[in-house]
Amino acid sequence: MNECLRPVMDWLDEHMGRSLHIRKAEQGDTDEVRLKLEHTDIRDDRSHALDDYTGGPVLILQGEGRVIQPGGTELNLPGNAFLIPVENIMQARIDGQTITVETGRARYDITES
């Protein structure tokens, strides 16, 4: 496991069973998800990758969730899982009640909601 992930995993363990708000910013696009965290895992996703986005180790945030669409409408989170590719983590930090994970492609901000 990337050493940057240890404090992130510890924070997530402390927030198990709680609702999280996840904001992903990538190439000018922003996605938002609300998720009740039930389980975390790190797994190699090469065998299930449909594109180059998750073709390696991923942090899986598992739980019932909703994707927040522009305008406020919400859709069910596919598979009740949010994946964060962790192979190319550049930085992971905790600032109060927010975790920020930055990869070569995206920035993820996770807060308790």
N, C-alpha and C. Protein backbone atom coordinates (compact mmCIF):
# COMPACT_ATOMS: atom_id res chain seq x y z
N MET A 1 0.85 -1.19 0.00
CA MET A 1 0.00 0.00 0.00
C MET A 1 0.89 1.24 0.00
N ASN A 2 0.53 2.22 -0.79
CA ASN A 2 1.22 3.50 -0.82
C ASN A 2 1.16 4.11 0.58
N GLU A 3 2.29 4.57 1.10
CA GLU A 3 2.34 5.14 2.45
C GLU A 3 1.41 6.34 2.62
N CYS A 4 1.13 7.07 1.55
CA CYS A 4 0.20 8.20 1.61
C CYS A 4 -1.20 7.75 2.04
N LEU A 5 -1.52 6.49 1.78
CA LEU A 5 -2.87 6.00 2.04
C LEU A 5 -3.12 5.64 3.50
N ARG A 6 -2.08 5.36 4.28
CA ARG A 6 -2.30 4.92 5.67
C ARG A 6 -3.16 5.90 6.46
N PRO A 7 -2.84 7.23 6.50
CA PRO A 7 -3.70 8.14 7.26
C PRO A 7 -5.11 8.25 6.67
N VAL A 8 -5.23 8.11 5.36
CA VAL A 8 -6.55 8.15 4.71
C VAL A 8 -7.37 6.95 5.16
N MET A 9 -6.77 5.76 5.15
CA MET A 9 -7.48 4.55 5.57
C MET A 9 -7.87 4.64 7.04
N ASP A 10 -6.98 5.19 7.88
CA ASP A 10 -7.30 5.36 9.30
C ASP A 10 -8.50 6.29 9.47
N TRP A 11 -8.52 7.41 8.72
CA TRP A 11 -9.62 8.37 8.80
C TRP A 11 -10.93 7.70 8.36
N LEU A 12 -10.85 6.95 7.27
CA LEU A 12 -12.05 6.27 6.77
C LEU A 12 -12.56 5.25 7.80
N ASP A 13 -11.64 4.52 8.43
CA ASP A 13 -12.05 3.56 9.47
C ASP A 13 -12.79 4.27 10.60
N GLU A 14 -12.33 5.46 10.97
CA GLU A 14 -12.98 6.23 12.04
C GLU A 14 -14.36 6.73 11.63
N HIS A 15 -14.61 6.81 10.32
CA HIS A 15 -15.88 7.34 9.81
C HIS A 15 -16.80 6.25 9.26
N MET A 16 -16.48 4.99 9.57
CA MET A 16 -17.31 3.88 9.12
C MET A 16 -18.73 4.04 9.68
N GLY A 17 -19.73 3.83 8.83
CA GLY A 17 -21.12 3.96 9.24
C GLY A 17 -21.66 5.37 9.13
N ARG A 18 -20.81 6.31 8.75
CA ARG A 18 -21.25 7.71 8.64
C ARG A 18 -21.45 8.08 7.17
N SER A 19 -22.17 9.18 6.97
CA SER A 19 -22.39 9.69 5.61
C SER A 19 -21.24 10.58 5.20
N LEU A 20 -20.75 10.34 4.00
CA LEU A 20 -19.64 11.13 3.45
C LEU A 20 -20.09 11.84 2.18
N HIS A 21 -19.49 12.99 1.95
CA HIS A 21 -19.68 13.73 0.70
C HIS A 21 -18.35 13.66 -0.04
N ILE A 22 -18.38 13.17 -1.27
CA ILE A 22 -17.17 13.01 -2.08
C ILE A 22 -17.29 13.93 -3.29
N ARG A 23 -16.26 14.74 -3.47
CA ARG A 23 -16.22 15.66 -4.63
C ARG A 23 -14.98 15.33 -5.43
N LYS A 24 -15.18 14.95 -6.70
CA LYS A 24 -14.07 14.61 -7.58
C LYS A 24 -13.96 15.68 -8.66
N ALA A 25 -12.78 16.29 -8.78
CA ALA A 25 -12.53 17.29 -9.83
C ALA A 25 -11.48 16.71 -10.78
N GLU A 26 -11.86 16.65 -12.06
CA GLU A 26 -10.96 16.10 -13.07
C GLU A 26 -11.13 16.84 -14.38
N GLN A 27 -10.06 17.43 -14.87
CA GLN A 27 -10.05 18.12 -16.16
C GLN A 27 -11.24 19.05 -16.35
N GLY A 28 -11.50 19.88 -15.34
CA GLY A 28 -12.58 20.87 -15.44
C GLY A 28 -13.97 20.32 -15.17
N ASP A 29 -14.08 19.03 -14.91
CA ASP A 29 -15.37 18.41 -14.63
C ASP A 29 -15.42 18.05 -13.15
N THR A 30 -16.59 18.24 -12.53
CA THR A 30 -16.76 17.92 -11.12
C THR A 30 -17.90 16.94 -10.95
N ASP A 31 -17.65 15.88 -10.17
CA ASP A 31 -18.67 14.90 -9.82
C ASP A 31 -18.83 14.91 -8.31
N GLU A 32 -20.07 14.72 -7.85
CA GLU A 32 -20.32 14.68 -6.40
C GLU A 32 -21.15 13.47 -6.06
N VAL A 33 -20.79 12.85 -4.93
CA VAL A 33 -21.47 11.65 -4.46
C VAL A 33 -21.68 11.78 -2.96
N ARG A 34 -22.82 11.30 -2.50
CA ARG A 34 -23.08 11.17 -1.07
C ARG A 34 -23.16 9.67 -0.81
N LEU A 35 -22.41 9.20 0.20
CA LEU A 35 -22.29 7.77 0.44
C LEU A 35 -22.27 7.48 1.93
N LYS A 36 -23.04 6.48 2.36
CA LYS A 36 -22.95 6.01 3.75
C LYS A 36 -21.90 4.91 3.77
N LEU A 37 -20.75 5.19 4.35
CA LEU A 37 -19.60 4.29 4.28
C LEU A 37 -19.83 3.04 5.11
N GLU A 38 -19.80 1.89 4.43
CA GLU A 38 -20.01 0.60 5.10
C GLU A 38 -18.75 -0.26 5.09
N HIS A 39 -17.88 -0.04 4.11
CA HIS A 39 -16.70 -0.90 3.97
C HIS A 39 -15.68 -0.20 3.07
N THR A 40 -14.40 -0.44 3.33
CA THR A 40 -13.35 0.05 2.44
C THR A 40 -12.46 -1.13 2.06
N ASP A 41 -11.81 -1.01 0.93
CA ASP A 41 -10.90 -2.04 0.48
C ASP A 41 -9.95 -1.43 -0.54
N ILE A 42 -8.79 -2.02 -0.68
CA ILE A 42 -7.89 -1.67 -1.77
C ILE A 42 -7.69 -2.95 -2.57
N ARG A 43 -7.93 -2.83 -3.86
CA ARG A 43 -7.92 -4.02 -4.72
C ARG A 43 -7.32 -3.65 -6.07
N ASP A 44 -6.70 -4.62 -6.71
CA ASP A 44 -6.20 -4.43 -8.06
C ASP A 44 -7.37 -4.62 -9.01
N ASP A 45 -7.66 -3.60 -9.80
CA ASP A 45 -8.84 -3.62 -10.66
C ASP A 45 -8.48 -3.84 -12.13
N ARG A 46 -7.29 -4.34 -12.41
CA ARG A 46 -6.87 -4.52 -13.81
C ARG A 46 -7.79 -5.47 -14.57
N SER A 47 -8.26 -6.50 -13.91
CA SER A 47 -9.07 -7.50 -14.61
C SER A 47 -10.47 -6.99 -14.94
N HIS A 48 -10.95 -5.94 -14.24
CA HIS A 48 -12.29 -5.42 -14.47
C HIS A 48 -12.32 -4.08 -15.20
N ALA A 49 -11.16 -3.57 -15.55
CA ALA A 49 -11.08 -2.23 -16.13
C ALA A 49 -11.67 -2.20 -17.54
N LEU A 50 -12.54 -1.22 -17.76
CA LEU A 50 -13.11 -1.02 -19.09
C LEU A 50 -12.33 0.05 -19.84
N ASP A 51 -11.55 0.84 -19.11
CA ASP A 51 -10.74 1.88 -19.72
C ASP A 51 -9.47 2.01 -18.88
N ASP A 52 -8.66 3.03 -19.11
CA ASP A 52 -7.42 3.18 -18.36
C ASP A 52 -7.64 3.85 -17.02
N TYR A 53 -8.88 4.20 -16.69
CA TYR A 53 -9.12 4.94 -15.45
C TYR A 53 -8.93 4.08 -14.20
N THR A 54 -9.48 2.88 -14.20
CA THR A 54 -9.36 2.03 -13.02
C THR A 54 -8.50 0.81 -13.29
N GLY A 55 -7.62 0.88 -14.22
CA GLY A 55 -6.78 -0.26 -14.57
C GLY A 55 -5.59 -0.43 -13.66
N GLY A 56 -5.80 -0.57 -12.38
CA GLY A 56 -4.74 -0.76 -11.40
C GLY A 56 -5.33 -0.78 -10.02
N PRO A 57 -4.50 -0.53 -9.00
CA PRO A 57 -5.03 -0.54 -7.65
C PRO A 57 -6.03 0.59 -7.42
N VAL A 58 -7.14 0.25 -6.76
CA VAL A 58 -8.18 1.23 -6.46
C VAL A 58 -8.56 1.14 -4.99
N LEU A 59 -8.89 2.30 -4.43
CA LEU A 59 -9.50 2.38 -3.11
C LEU A 59 -10.99 2.33 -3.34
N ILE A 60 -11.65 1.37 -2.72
CA ILE A 60 -13.09 1.19 -2.89
C ILE A 60 -13.80 1.68 -1.64
N LEU A 61 -14.69 2.63 -1.82
CA LEU A 61 -15.57 3.10 -0.74
C LEU A 61 -16.93 2.48 -1.01
N GLN A 62 -17.31 1.53 -0.19
CA GLN A 62 -18.53 0.75 -0.40
C GLN A 62 -19.64 1.23 0.53
N GLY A 63 -20.84 1.36 0.00
CA GLY A 63 -22.00 1.72 0.80
C GLY A 63 -23.09 2.29 -0.07
N GLU A 64 -24.28 2.40 0.49
CA GLU A 64 -25.39 2.96 -0.24
C GLU A 64 -25.09 4.42 -0.55
N GLY A 65 -25.24 4.80 -1.80
CA GLY A 65 -24.89 6.16 -2.18
C GLY A 65 -25.75 6.73 -3.29
N ARG A 66 -25.58 8.04 -3.47
CA ARG A 66 -26.30 8.78 -4.49
C ARG A 66 -25.32 9.68 -5.24
N VAL A 67 -25.46 9.72 -6.56
CA VAL A 67 -24.70 10.64 -7.40
C VAL A 67 -25.52 11.92 -7.50
N ILE A 68 -24.90 13.05 -7.16
CA ILE A 68 -25.60 14.34 -7.19
C ILE A 68 -25.35 14.97 -8.56
N GLN A 69 -26.43 15.14 -9.31
CA GLN A 69 -26.35 15.70 -10.66
C GLN A 69 -26.40 17.23 -10.61
N PRO A 70 -25.89 17.90 -11.66
CA PRO A 70 -26.06 19.35 -11.73
C PRO A 70 -27.55 19.68 -11.65
N GLY A 71 -27.89 20.68 -10.89
CA GLY A 71 -29.30 21.02 -10.70
C GLY A 71 -29.90 20.35 -9.49
N GLY A 72 -29.14 19.44 -8.86
CA GLY A 72 -29.59 18.86 -7.61
C GLY A 72 -30.29 17.52 -7.68
N THR A 73 -30.61 17.03 -8.88
CA THR A 73 -31.23 15.70 -8.94
C THR A 73 -30.21 14.65 -8.51
N GLU A 74 -30.70 13.53 -8.00
CA GLU A 74 -29.81 12.48 -7.51
C GLU A 74 -30.16 11.15 -8.15
N LEU A 75 -29.13 10.36 -8.42
CA LEU A 75 -29.28 9.02 -8.98
C LEU A 75 -28.59 8.03 -8.06
N ASN A 76 -29.02 6.77 -8.08
CA ASN A 76 -28.34 5.75 -7.29
C ASN A 76 -26.90 5.59 -7.75
N LEU A 77 -26.00 5.40 -6.81
CA LEU A 77 -24.60 5.16 -7.12
C LEU A 77 -24.46 3.74 -7.67
N PRO A 78 -23.96 3.61 -8.90
CA PRO A 78 -23.83 2.27 -9.50
C PRO A 78 -22.99 1.34 -8.62
N GLY A 79 -23.53 0.17 -8.35
CA GLY A 79 -22.80 -0.83 -7.58
C GLY A 79 -22.58 -0.46 -6.12
N ASN A 80 -23.18 0.64 -5.67
CA ASN A 80 -22.96 1.12 -4.31
C ASN A 80 -21.48 1.16 -3.95
N ALA A 81 -20.67 1.63 -4.90
CA ALA A 81 -19.24 1.73 -4.67
C ALA A 81 -18.67 2.93 -5.41
N PHE A 82 -17.74 3.62 -4.74
CA PHE A 82 -17.02 4.72 -5.37
C PHE A 82 -15.56 4.32 -5.40
N LEU A 83 -14.94 4.39 -6.59
CA LEU A 83 -13.56 3.95 -6.78
C LEU A 83 -12.62 5.14 -6.94
N ILE A 84 -11.48 5.06 -6.25
CA ILE A 84 -10.44 6.06 -6.40
C ILE A 84 -9.17 5.32 -6.82
N PRO A 85 -8.70 5.53 -8.06
CA PRO A 85 -7.44 4.91 -8.47
C PRO A 85 -6.29 5.42 -7.60
N VAL A 86 -5.48 4.52 -7.07
CA VAL A 86 -4.44 4.93 -6.12
C VAL A 86 -3.02 4.64 -6.59
N GLU A 87 -2.87 4.15 -7.80
CA GLU A 87 -1.53 3.82 -8.29
C GLU A 87 -0.64 5.05 -8.41
N ASN A 88 -1.21 6.16 -8.85
CA ASN A 88 -0.42 7.38 -9.09
C ASN A 88 -0.76 8.50 -8.12
N ILE A 89 -0.87 8.16 -6.82
CA ILE A 89 -1.16 9.20 -5.83
C ILE A 89 0.03 10.14 -5.73
N MET A 90 -0.25 11.42 -5.87
CA MET A 90 0.78 12.43 -5.72
C MET A 90 0.78 12.97 -4.29
N GLN A 91 -0.42 13.04 -3.69
CA GLN A 91 -0.54 13.62 -2.36
C GLN A 91 -1.84 13.15 -1.72
N ALA A 92 -1.78 12.93 -0.41
CA ALA A 92 -2.98 12.64 0.37
C ALA A 92 -2.81 13.36 1.69
N ARG A 93 -3.82 14.14 2.07
CA ARG A 93 -3.70 14.89 3.32
C ARG A 93 -5.06 14.99 4.00
N ILE A 94 -4.98 15.19 5.31
CA ILE A 94 -6.17 15.39 6.12
C ILE A 94 -6.08 16.78 6.71
N ASP A 95 -7.13 17.55 6.48
CA ASP A 95 -7.21 18.92 7.01
C ASP A 95 -8.52 19.03 7.78
N GLY A 96 -8.44 18.82 9.08
CA GLY A 96 -9.66 18.85 9.89
C GLY A 96 -10.56 17.70 9.52
N GLN A 97 -11.75 17.98 9.04
CA GLN A 97 -12.72 16.94 8.68
C GLN A 97 -12.76 16.66 7.19
N THR A 98 -11.69 17.04 6.47
CA THR A 98 -11.64 16.79 5.02
C THR A 98 -10.39 16.01 4.67
N ILE A 99 -10.57 14.98 3.86
CA ILE A 99 -9.44 14.26 3.26
C ILE A 99 -9.34 14.75 1.83
N THR A 100 -8.12 15.01 1.38
CA THR A 100 -7.88 15.33 -0.02
C THR A 100 -6.88 14.33 -0.57
N VAL A 101 -7.25 13.68 -1.66
CA VAL A 101 -6.38 12.74 -2.35
C VAL A 101 -6.18 13.27 -3.76
N GLU A 102 -4.92 13.46 -4.15
CA GLU A 102 -4.63 13.94 -5.49
C GLU A 102 -3.84 12.88 -6.25
N THR A 103 -4.34 12.57 -7.45
CA THR A 103 -3.67 11.63 -8.33
C THR A 103 -3.20 12.40 -9.56
N GLY A 104 -2.59 11.70 -10.49
CA GLY A 104 -2.16 12.35 -11.72
C GLY A 104 -3.33 12.84 -12.56
N ARG A 105 -4.53 12.35 -12.30
CA ARG A 105 -5.71 12.71 -13.10
C ARG A 105 -6.75 13.54 -12.38
N ALA A 106 -6.88 13.38 -11.07
CA ALA A 106 -8.02 13.99 -10.39
C ALA A 106 -7.68 14.35 -8.95
N ARG A 107 -8.57 15.17 -8.37
CA ARG A 107 -8.51 15.51 -6.95
C ARG A 107 -9.82 15.09 -6.32
N TYR A 108 -9.72 14.42 -5.18
CA TYR A 108 -10.89 13.92 -4.45
C TYR A 108 -10.91 14.59 -3.08
N ASP A 109 -12.00 15.25 -2.74
CA ASP A 109 -12.20 15.83 -1.43
C ASP A 109 -13.32 15.05 -0.76
N ILE A 110 -13.04 14.50 0.41
CA ILE A 110 -14.01 13.68 1.13
C ILE A 110 -14.25 14.32 2.49
N THR A 111 -15.52 14.61 2.79
CA THR A 111 -15.88 15.20 4.08
C THR A 111 -17.06 14.43 4.67
N GLU A 112 -17.17 14.50 5.99
CA GLU A 112 -18.35 13.92 6.63
C GLU A 112 -19.52 14.86 6.38
N SER A 113 -20.67 14.30 5.99
CA SER A 113 -21.83 15.16 5.70
C SER A 113 -22.94 14.93 6.70
